[in-house]
């Protein structure tokens, strides 16, 4: 018998938690099922009654563990906390809003049994709104320009073996690219496509600001493309500047200065200063991440843990 751990980050998901728990539990009912399960819910500072619902579920099911943060720290810290607490032979990260189909985890477990250390369920399509779909495609197109191993639709619904999980947890960094770290080691991996469901209950807590932050993490943590683009732009500007200076010198020696007036000068100043500001912004993103690492603050703070063995 294998133990399958489910890690479920929770942030204001009170409308779907009961169904999420009962759906996962139902997968392991009956004598035909040879596995057991545990569910590690991580309450990431929810402001609704999610924590109360999770505590009630934990009282009914000894296989449920609830970790509660002191405040909202973000999805990745919640995933890491759940991973650190899980004890299973295979560990599955799944969203709490039921947009990822829990029944698909049976196929993921089957793929794991064939020898795959990592099983990724990637989004081949999604039932979300048009804006969410367009933003997702644009973001992952950028990611794939530096890392072709990431599926076009992206993923966060993934199974890892105990070996893969320990390797993942050994990686350090506060602003990590989750998908890139999962694939980085090159362990044996299989992919399962699925259509991400439309949210049936509540509304998405993933704001535009959070999506933009995730996009920057994608781009900066997964490749050196921004730095190389800056170097290329700097080289092109330098070459253009030298050529332009040469033209001016020759025109001056010939007694014929072709550019009178301020327009050409303003164009050069605006283009050059704009490029410099863009470059400084990219460098600032890298420096901010270095500063964040030097501070070495904990990624999350656990307030309480709840289960049948550990209660208030």
Protein backbone atom coordinates (compact mmCIF):
# COMPACT_ATOMS: atom_id res chain seq x y z
CA UNK A 1 0.00 0.00 0.00
CA UNK A 2 1.27 3.44 -0.96
CA UNK A 3 0.42 6.70 0.77
CA UNK A 4 -0.67 9.50 -1.56
CA UNK A 5 -0.37 13.03 -0.17
CA UNK A 6 -2.51 15.84 -1.54
CA UNK A 7 -1.26 19.38 -0.92
CA UNK A 8 -4.03 21.96 -1.27
CA UNK A 9 -3.24 25.71 -0.90
CA UNK A 10 -6.34 27.56 0.36
CA UNK A 11 -7.12 31.26 0.11
CA UNK A 12 -10.77 32.25 0.51
CA UNK A 13 -12.09 28.97 -0.93
CA UNK A 14 -14.88 28.32 1.58
CA UNK A 15 -17.39 27.40 -1.14
CA UNK A 16 -15.43 24.45 -2.51
CA UNK A 17 -13.52 22.90 0.41
CA UNK A 18 -16.16 20.38 1.50
CA UNK A 19 -16.59 19.12 -2.05
CA UNK A 20 -12.83 19.01 -2.60
CA UNK A 21 -12.35 16.85 0.50
CA UNK A 22 -15.25 14.49 -0.25
CA UNK A 23 -14.16 14.08 -3.89
CA UNK A 24 -10.60 13.11 -2.95
CA UNK A 25 -11.80 10.82 -0.15
CA UNK A 26 -14.22 9.15 -2.56
CA UNK A 27 -11.37 8.20 -4.89
CA UNK A 28 -9.94 5.90 -2.21
CA UNK A 29 -13.13 4.18 -1.11
CA UNK A 30 -13.75 0.49 -1.73
CA UNK A 31 -11.67 -2.65 -1.47
CA UNK A 32 -10.38 -2.23 -5.03
CA UNK A 33 -8.23 0.72 -3.96
CA UNK A 34 -4.83 -0.41 -2.74
CA UNK A 35 -3.64 3.03 -1.61
CA UNK A 36 -4.27 5.30 1.34
CA UNK A 37 -4.29 9.10 1.31
CA UNK A 38 -3.64 12.20 3.36
CA UNK A 39 -4.69 15.75 2.56
CA UNK A 40 -2.60 18.69 3.73
CA UNK A 41 -4.68 21.86 3.50
CA UNK A 42 -2.64 25.06 3.88
CA UNK A 43 -4.74 28.06 4.88
CA UNK A 44 -2.89 31.01 3.39
CA UNK A 45 -4.40 33.77 5.53
CA UNK A 46 -8.00 33.42 4.33
CA UNK A 47 -10.36 36.19 5.40
CA UNK A 48 -13.55 34.13 4.96
CA UNK A 49 -14.57 31.07 7.00
CA UNK A 50 -12.25 28.68 5.15
CA UNK A 51 -10.29 27.89 8.32
CA UNK A 52 -13.42 26.97 10.29
CA UNK A 53 -14.51 24.62 7.52
CA UNK A 54 -11.06 23.03 7.36
CA UNK A 55 -11.01 22.48 11.13
CA UNK A 56 -14.42 20.79 10.93
CA UNK A 57 -13.20 18.52 8.13
CA UNK A 58 -10.05 17.63 10.11
CA UNK A 59 -12.18 16.59 13.09
CA UNK A 60 -14.11 14.17 10.88
CA UNK A 61 -11.23 12.74 8.87
CA UNK A 62 -7.99 11.62 10.57
CA UNK A 63 -6.23 11.76 7.21
CA UNK A 64 -6.67 15.54 7.00
CA UNK A 65 -4.02 17.97 8.26
CA UNK A 66 -4.61 21.72 8.33
CA UNK A 67 -1.77 24.23 8.45
CA UNK A 68 -2.78 27.83 9.06
CA UNK A 69 -0.53 30.82 8.28
CA UNK A 70 -0.53 34.04 10.31
CA UNK A 71 -1.33 36.00 7.13
CA UNK A 72 -1.37 35.67 3.35
CA UNK A 73 2.12 34.75 2.12
CA UNK A 74 1.26 33.60 -1.40
CA UNK A 75 0.65 30.40 -3.32
CA UNK A 76 4.24 29.15 -3.57
CA UNK A 77 4.97 29.44 0.18
CA UNK A 78 1.71 27.59 0.83
CA UNK A 79 2.74 24.82 -1.54
CA UNK A 80 6.18 24.58 0.08
CA UNK A 81 4.66 24.37 3.57
CA UNK A 82 2.37 21.57 2.43
CA UNK A 83 5.23 19.74 0.76
CA UNK A 84 7.36 19.99 3.91
CA UNK A 85 4.53 18.53 6.04
CA UNK A 86 3.47 15.72 3.67
CA UNK A 87 4.63 12.15 4.34
CA UNK A 88 3.38 10.32 1.25
CA UNK A 89 5.24 8.18 -1.27
CA UNK A 90 3.77 10.40 -3.99
CA UNK A 91 2.73 14.02 -3.46
CA UNK A 92 0.15 15.85 -5.57
CA UNK A 93 -0.30 19.61 -5.64
CA UNK A 94 -3.86 20.56 -6.59
CA UNK A 95 -5.85 23.81 -6.44
CA UNK A 96 -8.69 24.17 -3.91
CA UNK A 97 -11.19 25.68 -6.37
CA UNK A 98 -11.89 22.39 -8.24
CA UNK A 99 -10.65 23.82 -11.53
CA UNK A 100 -8.16 20.95 -11.52
CA UNK A 101 -10.18 17.67 -11.71
CA UNK A 102 -9.33 15.50 -8.65
CA UNK A 103 -10.34 12.33 -10.55
CA UNK A 104 -7.40 12.89 -12.91
CA UNK A 105 -5.06 12.11 -10.01
CA UNK A 106 -5.85 8.39 -10.42
CA UNK A 107 -4.26 8.47 -13.87
CA UNK A 108 -1.35 10.47 -12.46
CA UNK A 109 -0.80 7.82 -9.78
CA UNK A 110 -0.92 5.12 -12.48
CA UNK A 111 1.74 6.98 -14.49
CA UNK A 112 3.88 7.27 -11.35
CA UNK A 113 3.69 3.51 -10.81
CA UNK A 114 5.22 2.92 -14.25
CA UNK A 115 8.43 4.60 -13.06
CA UNK A 116 7.87 8.30 -13.68
CA UNK A 117 9.29 10.48 -10.91
CA UNK A 118 7.20 13.48 -12.02
CA UNK A 119 3.74 13.45 -13.60
CA UNK A 120 2.52 16.80 -14.92
CA UNK A 121 -1.10 17.55 -15.78
CA UNK A 122 -0.82 20.53 -18.10
CA UNK A 123 -3.54 22.84 -19.36
CA UNK A 124 -4.22 22.04 -23.01
CA UNK A 125 -7.15 24.46 -22.89
CA UNK A 126 -9.15 26.33 -20.30
CA UNK A 127 -12.77 27.31 -19.73
CA UNK A 128 -11.79 30.62 -18.11
CA UNK A 129 -12.66 33.99 -19.58
CA UNK A 130 -11.07 35.32 -22.74
CA UNK A 131 -8.73 37.76 -20.94
CA UNK A 132 -7.39 35.06 -18.61
CA UNK A 133 -6.74 32.74 -21.57
CA UNK A 134 -5.00 35.44 -23.62
CA UNK A 135 -2.79 36.53 -20.71
CA UNK A 136 -1.87 32.91 -19.96
CA UNK A 137 -0.89 32.20 -23.57
CA UNK A 138 1.22 35.35 -23.78
CA UNK A 139 2.96 34.65 -20.48
CA UNK A 140 3.82 31.05 -21.28
CA UNK A 141 4.92 31.95 -24.80
CA UNK A 142 7.52 34.19 -23.13
CA UNK A 143 8.49 31.42 -20.72
CA UNK A 144 8.91 28.86 -23.49
CA UNK A 145 11.25 31.19 -25.37
CA UNK A 146 13.78 30.46 -22.63
CA UNK A 147 12.62 27.00 -21.49
CA UNK A 148 11.04 24.79 -24.15
CA UNK A 149 10.38 21.97 -21.70
CA UNK A 150 7.51 23.93 -20.09
CA UNK A 151 4.17 22.92 -21.71
CA UNK A 152 2.48 25.66 -23.74
CA UNK A 153 -0.46 25.93 -21.34
CA UNK A 154 1.66 25.83 -18.20
CA UNK A 155 0.94 23.74 -15.12
CA UNK A 156 0.77 23.67 -11.34
CA UNK A 157 -1.22 20.41 -11.04
CA UNK A 158 1.64 17.98 -10.59
CA UNK A 159 2.59 14.71 -8.89
CA UNK A 160 6.11 14.20 -7.56
CA UNK A 161 7.68 11.09 -6.12
CA UNK A 162 9.33 11.31 -2.72
CA UNK A 163 12.72 11.48 -4.46
CA UNK A 164 11.63 14.32 -6.74
CA UNK A 165 10.03 16.19 -3.85
CA UNK A 166 13.14 16.05 -1.66
CA UNK A 167 15.19 17.36 -4.58
CA UNK A 168 12.65 20.15 -5.14
CA UNK A 169 12.69 21.15 -1.46
CA UNK A 170 16.50 21.27 -1.48
CA UNK A 171 16.39 24.15 -3.97
CA UNK A 172 16.58 27.61 -2.43
CA UNK A 173 15.15 30.94 -3.49
CA UNK A 174 12.33 33.26 -2.50
CA UNK A 175 11.10 34.24 -5.97
CA UNK A 176 11.17 30.86 -7.65
CA UNK A 177 9.73 29.71 -10.94
CA UNK A 178 7.76 26.66 -9.77
CA UNK A 179 7.43 24.96 -13.16
CA UNK A 180 11.09 25.47 -14.03
CA UNK A 181 12.25 24.01 -10.70
CA UNK A 182 10.02 20.94 -11.13
CA UNK A 183 11.53 20.23 -14.56
CA UNK A 184 15.10 21.36 -13.86
CA UNK A 185 16.51 18.04 -12.60
CA UNK A 186 15.56 16.14 -15.75
CA UNK A 187 13.98 13.24 -13.85
CA UNK A 188 11.78 10.83 -15.77
CA UNK A 189 8.57 12.71 -16.45
CA UNK A 190 5.24 12.17 -18.18
CA UNK A 191 2.61 14.69 -19.30
CA UNK A 192 -1.18 14.46 -19.18
CA UNK A 193 -3.27 17.12 -20.96
CA UNK A 194 -6.53 18.36 -19.46
CA UNK A 195 -8.98 21.22 -19.86
CA UNK A 196 -8.93 23.54 -16.86
CA UNK A 197 -12.49 23.96 -15.64
CA UNK A 198 -14.32 27.22 -15.14
CA UNK A 199 -14.53 28.18 -11.48
CA UNK A 200 -17.92 26.98 -10.23
CA UNK A 201 -17.84 28.64 -6.80
CA UNK A 202 -16.53 32.07 -5.79
CA UNK A 203 -14.17 34.25 -7.78
CA UNK A 204 -10.48 34.04 -8.54
CA UNK A 205 -8.13 35.51 -5.92
CA UNK A 206 -5.35 35.74 -8.50
CA UNK A 207 -5.33 39.47 -9.17
CA UNK A 208 -3.64 41.16 -12.11
CA UNK A 209 -0.82 42.31 -9.81
CA UNK A 210 -0.17 38.71 -8.74
CA UNK A 211 -0.20 37.56 -12.36
CA UNK A 212 2.24 40.31 -13.29
CA UNK A 213 4.55 39.32 -10.40
CA UNK A 214 4.37 35.70 -11.57
CA UNK A 215 5.22 36.79 -15.12
CA UNK A 216 8.35 38.61 -13.88
CA UNK A 217 9.35 35.53 -11.87
CA UNK A 218 8.84 33.42 -15.00
CA UNK A 219 11.01 35.67 -17.13
CA UNK A 220 13.80 36.52 -14.69
CA UNK A 221 14.18 33.25 -12.79
CA UNK A 222 13.95 30.94 -15.79
CA UNK A 223 16.40 32.53 -18.23
CA UNK A 224 19.04 35.19 -18.93
CA UNK A 225 17.03 36.60 -21.85
CA UNK A 226 16.38 40.06 -20.25
CA UNK A 227 20.09 40.62 -19.49
CA UNK A 228 21.09 39.45 -22.96
CA UNK A 229 18.48 41.70 -24.60
CA UNK A 230 19.86 44.62 -22.61
CA UNK A 231 23.37 43.82 -23.79
CA UNK A 232 22.19 43.56 -27.39
CA UNK A 233 20.28 46.85 -27.21
CA UNK A 234 23.28 48.54 -25.60
CA UNK A 235 25.59 47.26 -28.35
CA UNK A 236 23.21 48.41 -31.10
CA UNK A 237 22.87 51.84 -29.50
CA UNK A 238 26.65 52.14 -29.14
CA UNK A 239 27.22 51.19 -32.78
CA UNK A 240 24.50 53.60 -33.92
CA UNK A 241 25.98 56.37 -31.77
CA UNK A 242 29.48 55.85 -33.17
CA UNK A 243 28.14 55.85 -36.73
CA UNK A 244 26.09 58.97 -36.09
CA UNK A 245 29.09 60.71 -34.53
CA UNK A 246 31.17 59.81 -37.59
CA UNK A 247 28.58 61.36 -39.91
CA UNK A 248 28.56 64.57 -37.88
CA UNK A 249 32.40 64.79 -37.88
CA UNK A 250 32.59 64.30 -41.65
CA UNK A 251 29.84 66.84 -42.22
CA UNK A 252 31.63 69.31 -39.97
CA UNK A 253 34.95 68.85 -41.82
CA UNK A 254 33.17 69.39 -45.12
CA UNK A 255 31.57 72.53 -43.76
CA UNK A 256 28.10 71.10 -44.21
CA UNK A 257 26.17 70.24 -41.05
CA UNK A 258 22.98 68.55 -42.29
CA UNK A 259 21.09 68.49 -38.98
CA UNK A 260 20.19 71.95 -37.86
CA UNK A 261 17.54 72.42 -35.22
CA UNK A 262 16.55 70.45 -32.15
CA UNK A 263 14.39 67.65 -33.64
CA UNK A 264 17.17 65.10 -34.39
CA UNK A 265 18.82 65.87 -31.06
CA UNK A 266 15.57 65.34 -29.16
CA UNK A 267 14.93 62.03 -30.95
CA UNK A 268 18.36 60.74 -29.96
CA UNK A 269 17.97 61.90 -26.35
CA UNK A 270 14.51 60.42 -25.96
CA UNK A 271 15.36 57.06 -27.54
CA UNK A 272 18.61 56.70 -25.61
CA UNK A 273 17.18 57.80 -22.27
CA UNK A 274 14.17 55.52 -22.75
CA UNK A 275 16.42 52.52 -23.38
CA UNK A 276 18.56 53.40 -20.37
CA UNK A 277 15.51 53.60 -18.10
CA UNK A 278 14.29 50.24 -19.39
CA UNK A 279 17.69 48.67 -18.74
CA UNK A 280 17.86 50.16 -15.26
CA UNK A 281 14.40 48.75 -14.52
CA UNK A 282 15.47 45.24 -15.51
CA UNK A 283 18.66 45.53 -13.46
CA UNK A 284 16.53 46.75 -10.55
CA UNK A 285 14.40 43.59 -10.74
CA UNK A 286 17.53 41.45 -10.37
CA UNK A 287 18.92 43.61 -7.57
CA UNK A 288 15.61 43.48 -5.69
CA UNK A 289 15.66 39.70 -5.81
CA UNK A 290 19.26 39.63 -4.55
CA UNK A 291 18.28 41.92 -1.66
CA UNK A 292 15.29 39.70 -0.89
CA UNK A 293 17.59 36.66 -0.68
CA UNK A 294 20.10 38.48 1.56
CA UNK A 295 17.36 39.39 4.05
CA UNK A 296 16.65 35.66 4.39
CA UNK A 297 13.25 36.12 6.03
CA UNK A 298 11.20 32.91 6.36
CA UNK A 299 8.91 32.24 3.41
CA UNK A 300 5.93 31.75 5.71
CA UNK A 301 4.93 31.73 9.38
CA UNK A 302 2.70 28.92 10.67
CA UNK A 303 0.23 30.02 13.33
CA UNK A 304 -1.40 26.67 14.15
CA UNK A 305 -1.72 23.12 12.88
CA UNK A 306 -4.97 21.20 13.15
CA UNK A 307 -5.72 17.48 12.83
CA UNK A 308 -7.35 14.82 14.96
CA UNK A 309 -4.04 14.39 16.75
CA UNK A 310 -3.31 18.13 17.08
CA UNK A 311 -6.17 20.45 18.02
CA UNK A 312 -6.68 23.83 19.68
